[in-house]
Every structure is written in C-alpha cells, then in structure tokens.
C-alpha cells in the first residue's frame, strides 16, 4: 500500500514539473473581452464555481468541446496561488481521459505518455449518458461517468436538475441558519469558518449525493450507495466514511484557503463576503478585487493551508471523521504543523487509499 502511494506521489510531482516546463496553450491573440464573452456561453454549465471563474478570468482555456488537459489545470491552479504539489495532485485525480475517450469512460490515474483530458461542460447529473445520449442540447457529448467529477456531497447551486435559477439556489443554501452573519468592520453579510462548517454539516446529510464516493440517503449508508458500486473494496467503515468526507471538506477548505479575507478587518475572524461568494457561485467570477499574486489579500496556499482549515472545523459536524484524521497530521508524532507539501500529500494519499483499490466505471455506448 505504501509503495502505491509513493507511485502516485511521484506521478503527481512529475506531472506538475512537466507543466511548468511547457508554455501556455492559450491563444495569445485573444483579448480579455473576447475570451470572457466566449467563456460566458458555457461557464454556467461548469459545476465548480472556482473552475468556472478560472475560465472567466482566462486561467483555463477549454477547447471548443469543453476539454482541458492536465497541464492546463496545473497552470491554472498555480495561477490562483496553489502550490506545485497540490496542483499536480488535483490534476492527476480529476483529469484522466485520453483524447479519443469521448464519453469519459476509462479513467487513468497515473502519469502516462500523451495528454490526458476531461470535459468542463458535462459534469452535472443531467449530462450523464444515462439520461441524454450521445449529444447534449449544448452540442457537447454526454458523460458516461459524471460521478467521477462530483463530490460525495454538495450543494445544487450550479446544478439545475431540480429547477430554479442559480440566484434562487444560492439564496436557498446561503440563507440557511448559521451560514451568513454580520461581523464588525465588514459591509454586508459574510461567512465565517463556522458558517461554512454549518453549511457543510447540512449538506453532508441533505445535500446532493451524485459522486463516486457518495453514501446513500440522510443516514449515509454504504449499502446501495454509489460508493458501493464504484468502490466496493471500501466496505470498512473507516474507509468509506473517509472517502465520503474528504472531497467536500477539501474543496471548500481550499476555496477558503485561497479566498478568505484577513481577520484584521473583521475584529479577529477571517471571512468570505456574501458578495464574493455570489460572484463565484452565480456569476462564475472571482471577487472584484482579485488579481493573480496580489500581495496582502489573496495568498499562496497548498496542502498545509487547506488542511489547517479542515482541521479547524473539527467538532462542527461538517465531517468529524475526516477532520479528526486531518487534525492528527498536525501533531508532532505525525507530519507536524510545519511539514513539507510532500509530507502532507503522502498523508492524504494514505487517508484515501481505499479509493484506489477498484477501477469500476460505467460504459458507453
């Protein structure tokens, strides 16, 4: 098991190093105006608000069918201030289809000769080949395994399957008790870390569960779940609970690490403004005062910063099995509070090892 973690670690590091050596594939003739106008046609179909915002700002440049490759994801994430190690880890995990694998059937999760891709425009539930095949109304090909791009639990703010508008769905989730509040020195409402934990605690029970690591229903059962289908080897409780919690907490923790504002302006609490959240979730754009590498407002972040956010949510109900595990990594007997990115990467690979034991997927056609 340890050797497989080392292989994945080396693959992610080699991938990131290769991305740094390659020049950007973005068309240098594009103006910001043209790029944003073109991106706006499709960003509403991108389930992740951060990735959608990366497209809007030109940090990612999907091709005409919506595909991006591993190198593009790494460069885009590093443009947000993400470390090389974490960028490589994320690219290796989510971008794993050969260029001729139109419907994203066979995921490859190791370094391989030739570019690997995934499609940004077909990862919501209604884009599955189970429902629409072979081509969506947007002229994008259907996705045989939308579960590979879905977190184990999530909101439906950017997922239209149950109706409403992005604005109404945003209001539904962020108006829930304990998510937003007024804090000193901040204009308008804001979400503190406690507010984010409250939202995660809610969606862990009642949220959308369309991912390969999703458990079933309000009680998060393994039996009959998508997790059981995609990862039958993760039948031990420690394994399936870890897999069911790490994605959502990691993604929201990373967003917080990248975009939370300094507590210096709020009486001691870091926060995200409601207006910042709405720009990302509804408008597919970063906060209005964001710019790459801007000192003093948004900063470099990686595994350490993300895991610290996750650990600080321990006891909130957001996912206490995973938060306790992550919290332990900061103890002197494990990685410690000042470990390297490589050490933290090894820790997470150990925590989610059961996700690499199976290679099940849906086929199409």
Foldseek 3Di string as FASTA:
>chain_A
DLVVLVQLQVQLLVLLVVLVVDDDPDDPVDDLVNQLVVLQVFLLQFQFLQVLQLSNRVLADAPPQAKDWLSSQQSSVVLLQEDSSQSSSVSLQQFAAAPPPQQAWFGDRGDDPDITMDGRRAQAPCLAVVNDPQADPVRHGGHPASQSVDAQWDACLSPQPPHDANVVSLCVQCVDPQQWDDFPQDPAIWGFLLNVLLSLLVRLQVGDGRHCLHADHNVRHNPPHSVCQFQVVQPDPLQSLLRNQCPVLLVVLVVCLFAWFDCVRGVRTTTGHPVQVCCSSRVSHGPPPDGGPDPPGGHRDYLLSSLVSLLVSAPSNSRNSNNVLSVVCCDPVHQHNDHDRSRSSSSVCVSNVSSPPGRDGGDDD
